[in-house]
Amino acid sequence: MKPLAGSASKASSLAAKLLAAWASRGGLTSKAERQMRVVETLSLGGRRQVHLVACAGQTFLVGCGADSVQCIAPVPASPLREELL
């Protein structure tokens, strides 16, 4: 039986996509190397949440619904924010 033409390139393309997905979820990086993290989450019910997200030294309030994600506002530096981080 002859291999299908292009099957090797399809397999390598799939492998590349899987590797990229794995790497984007943490892959080989340690927690110390990550630039973004969810500091706190508040469930609002009905598949809606508000997240406090720290990224690159800044903090943002992010709203998530069943079909959307939106940055609500940046959170200014404060003693309380520094305690959470």
N, C-alpha and C. Protein backbone atom coordinates (compact mmCIF):
# COMPACT_ATOMS: atom_id res chain seq x y z
N MET A 1 0.85 -1.18 0.00
CA MET A 1 0.00 0.00 0.00
C MET A 1 0.89 1.24 0.00
N LYS A 2 0.62 2.17 -0.90
CA LYS A 2 1.41 3.40 -1.00
C LYS A 2 0.86 4.45 -0.03
N PRO A 3 1.77 5.23 0.63
CA PRO A 3 1.29 6.30 1.50
C PRO A 3 0.60 7.38 0.68
N LEU A 4 -0.36 8.02 1.25
CA LEU A 4 -1.07 9.10 0.58
C LEU A 4 -0.15 10.29 0.40
N ALA A 5 -0.25 10.93 -0.75
CA ALA A 5 0.58 12.10 -1.03
C ALA A 5 0.23 13.22 -0.05
N GLY A 6 1.25 13.81 0.53
CA GLY A 6 1.03 14.94 1.43
C GLY A 6 0.68 14.55 2.86
N SER A 7 0.59 13.24 3.14
CA SER A 7 0.21 12.84 4.50
C SER A 7 1.28 13.20 5.51
N ALA A 8 2.55 13.17 5.11
CA ALA A 8 3.63 13.54 6.02
C ALA A 8 3.55 15.02 6.37
N SER A 9 3.25 15.85 5.37
CA SER A 9 3.16 17.29 5.65
C SER A 9 1.94 17.61 6.50
N LYS A 10 0.85 16.88 6.30
CA LYS A 10 -0.34 17.08 7.13
C LYS A 10 -0.05 16.68 8.58
N ALA A 11 0.68 15.58 8.75
CA ALA A 11 1.02 15.12 10.10
C ALA A 11 1.94 16.11 10.79
N SER A 12 2.92 16.65 10.05
CA SER A 12 3.83 17.61 10.68
C SER A 12 3.11 18.92 10.99
N SER A 13 2.16 19.30 10.15
CA SER A 13 1.36 20.50 10.41
C SER A 13 0.51 20.31 11.67
N LEU A 14 -0.09 19.14 11.81
CA LEU A 14 -0.89 18.85 13.00
C LEU A 14 0.00 18.84 14.24
N ALA A 15 1.19 18.24 14.12
CA ALA A 15 2.11 18.20 15.26
C ALA A 15 2.53 19.61 15.66
N ALA A 16 2.76 20.47 14.68
CA ALA A 16 3.16 21.85 14.97
C ALA A 16 2.03 22.59 15.69
N LYS A 17 0.79 22.37 15.25
CA LYS A 17 -0.36 23.02 15.90
C LYS A 17 -0.52 22.53 17.33
N LEU A 18 -0.37 21.22 17.55
CA LEU A 18 -0.49 20.67 18.90
C LEU A 18 0.62 21.19 19.81
N LEU A 19 1.84 21.28 19.28
CA LEU A 19 2.95 21.81 20.06
C LEU A 19 2.73 23.27 20.42
N ALA A 20 2.22 24.06 19.48
CA ALA A 20 1.94 25.48 19.75
C ALA A 20 0.85 25.62 20.82
N ALA A 21 -0.19 24.79 20.76
CA ALA A 21 -1.25 24.84 21.76
C ALA A 21 -0.72 24.45 23.13
N TRP A 22 0.11 23.42 23.18
CA TRP A 22 0.71 22.98 24.45
C TRP A 22 1.59 24.07 25.02
N ALA A 23 2.41 24.70 24.18
CA ALA A 23 3.31 25.75 24.65
C ALA A 23 2.53 26.96 25.14
N SER A 24 1.40 27.28 24.48
CA SER A 24 0.61 28.44 24.90
C SER A 24 -0.07 28.22 26.24
N ARG A 25 -0.22 26.97 26.65
CA ARG A 25 -0.85 26.65 27.94
C ARG A 25 0.17 26.44 29.05
N GLY A 26 1.41 26.76 28.80
CA GLY A 26 2.41 26.62 29.84
C GLY A 26 3.58 25.79 29.40
N GLY A 27 3.33 24.76 28.60
CA GLY A 27 4.37 23.95 28.02
C GLY A 27 5.58 23.77 28.90
N LEU A 28 6.71 24.27 28.47
CA LEU A 28 7.96 24.12 29.19
C LEU A 28 8.24 25.28 30.14
N THR A 29 7.41 26.32 30.12
CA THR A 29 7.68 27.47 30.98
C THR A 29 7.28 27.17 32.41
N SER A 30 8.05 27.70 33.33
CA SER A 30 7.70 27.55 34.73
C SER A 30 6.81 28.71 35.15
N LYS A 31 6.20 28.59 36.31
CA LYS A 31 5.32 29.66 36.78
C LYS A 31 6.08 30.97 36.96
N ALA A 32 7.36 30.90 37.29
CA ALA A 32 8.15 32.11 37.49
C ALA A 32 8.34 32.87 36.19
N GLU A 33 8.30 32.20 35.03
CA GLU A 33 8.50 32.84 33.75
C GLU A 33 7.22 33.43 33.17
N ARG A 34 6.09 33.07 33.67
CA ARG A 34 4.82 33.54 33.12
C ARG A 34 4.64 35.03 33.38
N GLN A 35 4.11 35.72 32.39
CA GLN A 35 3.91 37.16 32.48
C GLN A 35 2.48 37.52 32.87
N MET A 36 1.57 36.57 32.84
CA MET A 36 0.17 36.87 33.10
C MET A 36 -0.40 35.83 34.06
N ARG A 37 -1.26 36.30 34.98
CA ARG A 37 -1.94 35.35 35.88
C ARG A 37 -3.25 35.94 36.36
N VAL A 38 -4.18 35.06 36.69
CA VAL A 38 -5.46 35.47 37.26
C VAL A 38 -5.26 35.59 38.76
N VAL A 39 -5.44 36.80 39.29
CA VAL A 39 -5.23 37.05 40.71
C VAL A 39 -6.45 36.61 41.51
N GLU A 40 -7.62 36.92 40.98
CA GLU A 40 -8.86 36.57 41.70
C GLU A 40 -10.00 36.50 40.69
N THR A 41 -10.99 35.65 40.98
CA THR A 41 -12.17 35.50 40.13
C THR A 41 -13.42 35.60 40.97
N LEU A 42 -14.41 36.31 40.46
CA LEU A 42 -15.70 36.43 41.13
C LEU A 42 -16.78 35.97 40.16
N SER A 43 -17.52 34.93 40.53
CA SER A 43 -18.61 34.44 39.70
C SER A 43 -19.83 35.32 39.91
N LEU A 44 -20.46 35.71 38.80
CA LEU A 44 -21.67 36.54 38.86
C LEU A 44 -22.92 35.74 38.55
N GLY A 45 -22.76 34.44 38.30
CA GLY A 45 -23.89 33.58 37.96
C GLY A 45 -24.20 33.64 36.48
N GLY A 46 -24.89 32.66 35.99
CA GLY A 46 -25.27 32.65 34.58
C GLY A 46 -24.09 32.64 33.63
N ARG A 47 -23.03 31.90 33.94
CA ARG A 47 -21.83 31.79 33.10
C ARG A 47 -21.13 33.13 32.91
N ARG A 48 -21.21 34.00 33.91
CA ARG A 48 -20.52 35.29 33.87
C ARG A 48 -19.57 35.39 35.04
N GLN A 49 -18.37 35.91 34.79
CA GLN A 49 -17.37 36.10 35.84
C GLN A 49 -16.64 37.42 35.62
N VAL A 50 -16.07 37.90 36.70
CA VAL A 50 -15.16 39.04 36.65
C VAL A 50 -13.83 38.53 37.17
N HIS A 51 -12.74 38.82 36.44
CA HIS A 51 -11.41 38.37 36.81
C HIS A 51 -10.50 39.57 37.04
N LEU A 52 -9.66 39.49 38.04
CA LEU A 52 -8.60 40.44 38.25
C LEU A 52 -7.35 39.79 37.66
N VAL A 53 -6.79 40.38 36.61
CA VAL A 53 -5.68 39.77 35.86
C VAL A 53 -4.45 40.66 35.96
N ALA A 54 -3.32 40.07 36.36
CA ALA A 54 -2.05 40.78 36.42
C ALA A 54 -1.25 40.41 35.18
N CYS A 55 -0.72 41.43 34.50
CA CYS A 55 0.05 41.19 33.28
C CYS A 55 1.09 42.28 33.12
N ALA A 56 2.36 41.89 33.04
CA ALA A 56 3.47 42.82 32.78
C ALA A 56 3.47 43.99 33.74
N GLY A 57 3.25 43.72 35.01
CA GLY A 57 3.31 44.77 36.02
C GLY A 57 2.07 45.62 36.14
N GLN A 58 1.05 45.33 35.36
CA GLN A 58 -0.22 46.07 35.43
C GLN A 58 -1.32 45.10 35.81
N THR A 59 -2.44 45.66 36.27
CA THR A 59 -3.58 44.83 36.67
C THR A 59 -4.83 45.34 35.96
N PHE A 60 -5.67 44.40 35.52
CA PHE A 60 -6.87 44.75 34.77
C PHE A 60 -8.07 43.99 35.33
N LEU A 61 -9.23 44.62 35.26
CA LEU A 61 -10.49 43.98 35.59
C LEU A 61 -11.08 43.51 34.27
N VAL A 62 -11.32 42.19 34.15
CA VAL A 62 -11.77 41.59 32.90
C VAL A 62 -13.10 40.89 33.13
N GLY A 63 -14.07 41.18 32.29
CA GLY A 63 -15.38 40.55 32.37
C GLY A 63 -15.51 39.46 31.33
N CYS A 64 -16.07 38.31 31.72
CA CYS A 64 -16.25 37.19 30.81
C CYS A 64 -17.70 36.73 30.87
N GLY A 65 -18.28 36.57 29.69
CA GLY A 65 -19.63 36.03 29.58
C GLY A 65 -19.59 34.74 28.80
N ALA A 66 -20.74 34.22 28.48
CA ALA A 66 -20.82 32.95 27.75
C ALA A 66 -20.12 33.04 26.40
N ASP A 67 -20.20 34.20 25.75
CA ASP A 67 -19.63 34.33 24.40
C ASP A 67 -18.69 35.51 24.25
N SER A 68 -18.24 36.11 25.35
CA SER A 68 -17.39 37.29 25.19
C SER A 68 -16.43 37.47 26.36
N VAL A 69 -15.35 38.19 26.07
CA VAL A 69 -14.37 38.58 27.08
C VAL A 69 -14.07 40.05 26.81
N GLN A 70 -14.08 40.88 27.87
CA GLN A 70 -13.85 42.30 27.67
C GLN A 70 -13.07 42.88 28.84
N CYS A 71 -12.09 43.71 28.51
CA CYS A 71 -11.36 44.43 29.55
C CYS A 71 -12.27 45.56 30.03
N ILE A 72 -12.65 45.52 31.29
CA ILE A 72 -13.54 46.54 31.84
C ILE A 72 -12.76 47.80 32.17
N ALA A 73 -11.63 47.62 32.88
CA ALA A 73 -10.85 48.79 33.28
C ALA A 73 -9.48 48.37 33.81
N PRO A 74 -8.48 49.23 33.62
CA PRO A 74 -7.21 48.99 34.31
C PRO A 74 -7.40 49.31 35.79
N VAL A 75 -6.70 48.60 36.64
CA VAL A 75 -6.80 48.84 38.09
C VAL A 75 -5.56 49.64 38.50
N PRO A 76 -5.77 50.87 39.01
CA PRO A 76 -4.62 51.69 39.39
C PRO A 76 -3.87 51.09 40.58
N ALA A 77 -2.59 51.42 40.66
CA ALA A 77 -1.77 50.94 41.77
C ALA A 77 -2.34 51.44 43.09
N SER A 78 -2.37 50.55 44.08
CA SER A 78 -2.84 50.90 45.42
C SER A 78 -2.26 49.89 46.40
N PRO A 79 -2.24 50.21 47.68
CA PRO A 79 -1.74 49.24 48.67
C PRO A 79 -2.52 47.92 48.63
N LEU A 80 -3.84 47.98 48.42
CA LEU A 80 -4.65 46.77 48.36
C LEU A 80 -4.24 45.91 47.16
N ARG A 81 -4.05 46.55 46.00
CA ARG A 81 -3.64 45.81 44.82
C ARG A 81 -2.29 45.14 45.05
N GLU A 82 -1.38 45.83 45.68
CA GLU A 82 -0.06 45.27 45.93
C GLU A 82 -0.14 44.06 46.87
N GLU A 83 -1.09 44.08 47.82
CA GLU A 83 -1.29 42.92 48.71
C GLU A 83 -1.75 41.70 47.93
N LEU A 84 -2.63 41.90 46.95
CA LEU A 84 -3.17 40.79 46.16
C LEU A 84 -2.12 40.19 45.26
N LEU A 85 -1.23 41.00 44.74
CA LEU A 85 -0.23 40.50 43.81
C LEU A 85 0.87 39.83 44.57
